[in-house]
């Protein structure tokens, strides 16, 4: 099916004008410009950006596929059909592309968005735990990039007894024909009745630091050291939905969906440094440590909320439409993207190259930086229906 316009020029112009007025007040300080919304369909629930900020990957759950878009124009560059509903991406700086996690699956896939055709390399991290032909492999409940470019996968067994979890480390062979196991942790029991059988929030400190895995519904997260040994338990918010860790490993940013809040938690003590309301249905979080900004997607209000990382002071609110699901920032901090599963769209903004200073808890443009970007004009916005 070919690509066709989804809205009239008049509607696009009116929408651009409305958003220009709404965003003018923060344009000079937020460092965001060139908003664009790309219509896809297929319930986009997860998003990721390639390290250079040039391509956006979209996990389309209803389509059982990953879409690859040009981050600036929204042009569709590829589609990878998968055996399952993709939900979340794990950025892999060492590979230059993300790994895909699925809903209630035993497999993960590494997507290759730079080839002539979009390809994927898949494997089952829990295959070594299958002892007979009738046993099922453990489910994948999370994954992060560990030290030395390894993929660390969280596995879970859900049985009639208390569920158990473990972490397992993998490194790819040249060409990624196989992923080789390089150690794992013992099985850790989790009390039944509270553990979620879906994907759990998971994050790691860069360059081989501690790995954190949130236990949904239990108000705590497990801390594993570089050897994958369970080192500590850290209290968090009651119902965490997503997690980000500061590059120095000293702060955790936890999104609590039912409370509609973002919590800033000191590590490893678990002391709550700050907590703020970000909107109902707070769903996911992305960290832009270079600018001192943290972004939260609020599903019910349809906004991306930008806050300072030090005091969680407000920076910006970006309207995206109700149904906002995931938010991501690329490794070079050039682009901010968000998915909307209800409307089947992905929104994209370029992050201006501004240094931010702190003055009374508010972000201001550095005088030494380039001139602030002009207010968003809507010229880059377009709506299209892809297939």
Foldseek 3Di string as FASTA:
>chain_A
DDWDFDDDPVVLQVVLVVQLVVCQVQQQFQQWALKAKEFEAQQFFEWEAFQVRQWIWTQRQNQQWIWIAGQQQRHTQAIGHHDARWHYWADQNVVRFTKTAHWFDQKIWTWDRPDNYIDIDMDGPQPVVDDDPPDDGFTWQDWYQAAPRKIKTKTWDDDPAFIWIKIWIWDADVVRNDIDTDAMEDIDGDGPPQADSTHWAKEAAPRHAWIWTDGAQPQWIWIAHSRRYTDDIAGHDRGWQYWDADNVRQWIWTQHAQVQKIWIAGPPHNHTPDMDHDEHRWHYKEDDVQQQWIWIQRQAQQWIWIAGNPHRHGNDIRHHDHQWHYWYAHNVRQKIKIAHSVRNMIMIIGRHPFHWDADPRYTHGDPPDDRRDRRYRSPSYGYMYDD
